């Protein structure tokens, strides 16, 4: 995996219009293996078999473009308590 500009445990959500793919990065680590859990939904794992990312293909068809553009992140204050 290339350097994504993430700190060790910083999460990142990225959308590729060209691939119509939504990717959620949980950690910046090398992808050791991947598993498609459903058509177009792939989990990426590190060398310790920990989930480090989720790729969702055909994202605009699954969720709609307006929903992708308006992702809400909620309850972050609870994490810091």
N, C-alpha and C. Protein backbone atom coordinates (compact mmCIF):
# COMPACT_ATOMS: atom_id res chain seq x y z
N UNK A 1 0.85 -1.17 0.00
CA UNK A 1 0.00 0.00 0.00
C UNK A 1 0.89 1.23 0.00
N UNK A 2 0.54 2.21 -0.76
CA UNK A 2 1.30 3.44 -0.78
C UNK A 2 0.97 4.29 0.44
N UNK A 3 1.76 5.30 0.69
CA UNK A 3 1.49 6.18 1.81
C UNK A 3 0.25 7.00 1.49
N UNK A 4 -0.77 6.84 2.32
CA UNK A 4 -2.04 7.50 2.08
C UNK A 4 -2.16 8.82 2.81
N UNK A 5 -1.09 9.22 3.48
CA UNK A 5 -1.15 10.42 4.28
C UNK A 5 -1.85 10.19 5.61
N UNK A 6 -2.00 8.93 5.99
CA UNK A 6 -2.66 8.61 7.24
C UNK A 6 -1.64 8.43 8.34
N UNK A 7 -2.01 8.81 9.54
CA UNK A 7 -1.21 8.43 10.69
C UNK A 7 -1.59 6.99 10.99
N UNK A 8 -0.87 6.33 11.88
CA UNK A 8 -1.07 4.91 12.12
C UNK A 8 -2.53 4.48 12.21
N UNK A 9 -3.33 5.15 12.99
CA UNK A 9 -4.71 4.72 13.20
C UNK A 9 -5.73 5.76 12.79
N UNK A 10 -5.42 6.58 11.81
CA UNK A 10 -6.35 7.58 11.33
C UNK A 10 -7.23 6.96 10.26
N UNK A 11 -8.53 7.11 10.40
CA UNK A 11 -9.44 6.58 9.39
C UNK A 11 -9.58 7.59 8.25
N UNK A 12 -9.88 7.07 7.07
CA UNK A 12 -10.04 7.92 5.89
C UNK A 12 -11.10 7.29 5.00
N UNK A 13 -11.97 8.12 4.43
CA UNK A 13 -12.95 7.67 3.45
C UNK A 13 -12.62 8.35 2.14
N UNK A 14 -12.54 7.55 1.08
CA UNK A 14 -12.15 8.08 -0.22
C UNK A 14 -13.10 7.55 -1.29
N UNK A 15 -13.44 8.39 -2.25
CA UNK A 15 -14.28 7.98 -3.37
C UNK A 15 -13.53 8.20 -4.66
N UNK A 16 -13.53 7.20 -5.53
CA UNK A 16 -12.93 7.31 -6.85
C UNK A 16 -14.05 7.34 -7.88
N UNK A 17 -14.22 8.49 -8.52
CA UNK A 17 -15.25 8.61 -9.55
C UNK A 17 -14.94 7.69 -10.73
N UNK A 18 -13.66 7.63 -11.10
CA UNK A 18 -13.25 6.79 -12.24
C UNK A 18 -13.62 5.33 -12.02
N UNK A 19 -13.38 4.82 -10.82
CA UNK A 19 -13.67 3.42 -10.51
C UNK A 19 -15.07 3.23 -9.91
N UNK A 20 -15.74 4.34 -9.59
CA UNK A 20 -17.00 4.32 -8.86
C UNK A 20 -16.88 3.42 -7.63
N UNK A 21 -15.81 3.69 -6.87
CA UNK A 21 -15.51 2.87 -5.69
C UNK A 21 -15.37 3.76 -4.46
N UNK A 22 -15.93 3.30 -3.37
CA UNK A 22 -15.81 3.95 -2.08
C UNK A 22 -14.88 3.08 -1.24
N UNK A 23 -13.89 3.71 -0.62
CA UNK A 23 -12.94 2.94 0.19
C UNK A 23 -12.85 3.57 1.56
N UNK A 24 -12.99 2.74 2.58
CA UNK A 24 -12.83 3.17 3.97
C UNK A 24 -11.53 2.56 4.48
N UNK A 25 -10.58 3.43 4.80
CA UNK A 25 -9.29 2.99 5.35
C UNK A 25 -9.38 3.08 6.87
N UNK A 26 -9.08 2.01 7.56
CA UNK A 26 -9.06 2.02 9.03
C UNK A 26 -7.65 2.24 9.56
N UNK A 27 -6.67 1.71 8.86
CA UNK A 27 -5.27 1.84 9.26
C UNK A 27 -4.42 1.90 8.00
N UNK A 28 -3.30 2.55 8.08
CA UNK A 28 -2.35 2.57 6.97
C UNK A 28 -1.39 1.40 7.17
N UNK A 29 -1.67 0.33 6.49
CA UNK A 29 -0.84 -0.87 6.56
C UNK A 29 -0.84 -1.53 5.20
N UNK A 30 0.11 -2.43 5.00
CA UNK A 30 0.19 -3.19 3.76
C UNK A 30 -0.97 -4.18 3.72
N UNK A 31 -1.66 -4.26 2.58
CA UNK A 31 -2.74 -5.23 2.41
C UNK A 31 -2.12 -6.59 2.14
N UNK A 32 -2.30 -7.49 3.09
CA UNK A 32 -1.75 -8.83 2.98
C UNK A 32 -2.69 -9.77 2.22
N UNK A 33 -3.99 -9.57 2.43
CA UNK A 33 -4.98 -10.39 1.73
C UNK A 33 -6.29 -9.63 1.64
N UNK A 34 -7.14 -10.09 0.74
CA UNK A 34 -8.46 -9.48 0.54
C UNK A 34 -9.49 -10.58 0.40
N UNK A 35 -10.72 -10.25 0.79
CA UNK A 35 -11.79 -11.24 0.66
C UNK A 35 -13.06 -10.52 0.23
N UNK A 36 -13.65 -11.00 -0.87
CA UNK A 36 -14.91 -10.44 -1.33
C UNK A 36 -16.02 -11.11 -0.52
N UNK A 37 -16.73 -10.33 0.29
CA UNK A 37 -17.76 -10.89 1.16
C UNK A 37 -19.13 -10.89 0.51
N UNK A 38 -19.25 -10.11 -0.54
CA UNK A 38 -20.47 -10.00 -1.32
C UNK A 38 -20.03 -9.40 -2.64
N UNK A 39 -20.77 -9.63 -3.70
CA UNK A 39 -20.35 -9.09 -4.99
C UNK A 39 -20.10 -7.59 -4.88
N UNK A 40 -18.85 -7.18 -5.15
CA UNK A 40 -18.48 -5.77 -5.15
C UNK A 40 -18.12 -5.19 -3.80
N UNK A 41 -18.07 -6.01 -2.76
CA UNK A 41 -17.67 -5.54 -1.43
C UNK A 41 -16.49 -6.38 -0.96
N UNK A 42 -15.34 -5.69 -0.80
CA UNK A 42 -14.09 -6.39 -0.51
C UNK A 42 -13.51 -5.89 0.81
N UNK A 43 -13.14 -6.82 1.67
CA UNK A 43 -12.44 -6.49 2.91
C UNK A 43 -10.96 -6.71 2.70
N UNK A 44 -10.14 -5.77 3.15
CA UNK A 44 -8.68 -5.91 3.09
C UNK A 44 -8.16 -6.18 4.49
N UNK A 45 -7.17 -7.09 4.57
CA UNK A 45 -6.60 -7.52 5.85
C UNK A 45 -5.10 -7.29 5.86
N UNK A 46 -4.57 -7.03 7.06
CA UNK A 46 -3.11 -6.92 7.21
C UNK A 46 -2.52 -8.30 7.49
N UNK A 47 -1.22 -8.33 7.77
CA UNK A 47 -0.52 -9.60 8.01
C UNK A 47 -1.00 -10.31 9.27
N UNK A 48 -1.69 -9.60 10.17
CA UNK A 48 -2.25 -10.21 11.38
C UNK A 48 -3.72 -10.57 11.23
N UNK A 49 -4.20 -10.53 9.99
CA UNK A 49 -5.59 -10.84 9.65
C UNK A 49 -6.59 -9.86 10.28
N UNK A 50 -6.14 -8.62 10.52
CA UNK A 50 -7.01 -7.57 11.03
C UNK A 50 -7.55 -6.77 9.84
N UNK A 51 -8.82 -6.41 9.90
CA UNK A 51 -9.42 -5.61 8.82
C UNK A 51 -8.80 -4.22 8.83
N UNK A 52 -8.27 -3.82 7.67
CA UNK A 52 -7.68 -2.49 7.56
C UNK A 52 -8.42 -1.61 6.56
N UNK A 53 -9.36 -2.20 5.81
CA UNK A 53 -10.10 -1.39 4.86
C UNK A 53 -11.26 -2.14 4.23
N UNK A 54 -12.19 -1.37 3.70
CA UNK A 54 -13.34 -1.92 2.99
C UNK A 54 -13.48 -1.17 1.67
N UNK A 55 -13.58 -1.91 0.59
CA UNK A 55 -13.80 -1.32 -0.73
C UNK A 55 -15.20 -1.69 -1.19
N UNK A 56 -15.95 -0.68 -1.66
CA UNK A 56 -17.30 -0.91 -2.16
C UNK A 56 -17.34 -0.44 -3.60
N UNK A 57 -17.50 -1.39 -4.51
CA UNK A 57 -17.57 -1.08 -5.94
C UNK A 57 -18.99 -0.71 -6.33
N UNK A 58 -19.13 0.00 -7.45
CA UNK A 58 -20.43 0.48 -7.93
C UNK A 58 -21.14 1.29 -6.84
N UNK A 59 -20.37 2.10 -6.15
CA UNK A 59 -20.88 2.84 -5.00
C UNK A 59 -22.04 3.77 -5.35
N UNK A 60 -21.96 4.47 -6.47
CA UNK A 60 -23.04 5.41 -6.80
C UNK A 60 -24.34 4.67 -7.10
N UNK A 61 -24.24 3.46 -7.64
CA UNK A 61 -25.44 2.66 -7.88
C UNK A 61 -26.02 2.13 -6.57
N UNK A 62 -25.15 1.76 -5.65
CA UNK A 62 -25.60 1.20 -4.37
C UNK A 62 -26.21 2.26 -3.46
N UNK A 63 -25.58 3.45 -3.42
CA UNK A 63 -25.96 4.45 -2.43
C UNK A 63 -26.53 5.74 -3.01
N UNK A 64 -26.28 5.99 -4.29
CA UNK A 64 -26.68 7.26 -4.90
C UNK A 64 -25.58 8.29 -4.71
N UNK A 65 -25.33 9.06 -5.75
CA UNK A 65 -24.24 10.04 -5.72
C UNK A 65 -24.42 11.08 -4.62
N UNK A 66 -25.65 11.53 -4.40
CA UNK A 66 -25.86 12.56 -3.37
C UNK A 66 -25.56 12.02 -1.98
N UNK A 67 -25.81 10.76 -1.73
CA UNK A 67 -25.50 10.17 -0.43
C UNK A 67 -24.00 10.03 -0.24
N UNK A 68 -23.27 9.71 -1.29
CA UNK A 68 -21.81 9.61 -1.19
C UNK A 68 -21.22 10.98 -0.89
N UNK A 69 -21.75 12.00 -1.52
CA UNK A 69 -21.24 13.36 -1.33
C UNK A 69 -21.57 13.92 0.04
N UNK A 70 -22.53 13.34 0.73
CA UNK A 70 -22.99 13.86 2.02
C UNK A 70 -22.82 12.85 3.14
N UNK A 71 -21.65 12.27 3.25
CA UNK A 71 -21.37 11.31 4.31
C UNK A 71 -21.35 12.04 5.65
N UNK A 72 -22.08 11.50 6.61
CA UNK A 72 -22.10 12.05 7.96
C UNK A 72 -21.31 11.15 8.89
N UNK A 73 -20.55 11.76 9.77
CA UNK A 73 -19.83 11.03 10.78
C UNK A 73 -20.40 11.47 12.11
N UNK A 74 -20.92 10.51 12.87
CA UNK A 74 -21.64 10.85 14.09
C UNK A 74 -21.00 10.24 15.33
N UNK A 75 -21.27 10.82 16.45
CA UNK A 75 -20.88 10.31 17.77
C UNK A 75 -19.39 10.24 18.01
N UNK A 76 -18.61 11.07 17.34
CA UNK A 76 -17.17 11.07 17.56
C UNK A 76 -16.81 11.53 18.97
N UNK A 77 -17.61 12.41 19.53
CA UNK A 77 -17.32 12.89 20.88
C UNK A 77 -17.36 11.73 21.88
N UNK A 78 -18.22 10.74 21.64
CA UNK A 78 -18.30 9.58 22.52
C UNK A 78 -17.00 8.78 22.52
N UNK A 79 -16.32 8.73 21.40
CA UNK A 79 -15.07 8.00 21.30
C UNK A 79 -14.01 8.63 22.19
N UNK A 80 -14.02 9.94 22.28
CA UNK A 80 -13.02 10.68 23.04
C UNK A 80 -13.32 10.76 24.53
N UNK A 81 -14.47 10.30 24.95
CA UNK A 81 -14.83 10.36 26.38
C UNK A 81 -14.08 9.33 27.20
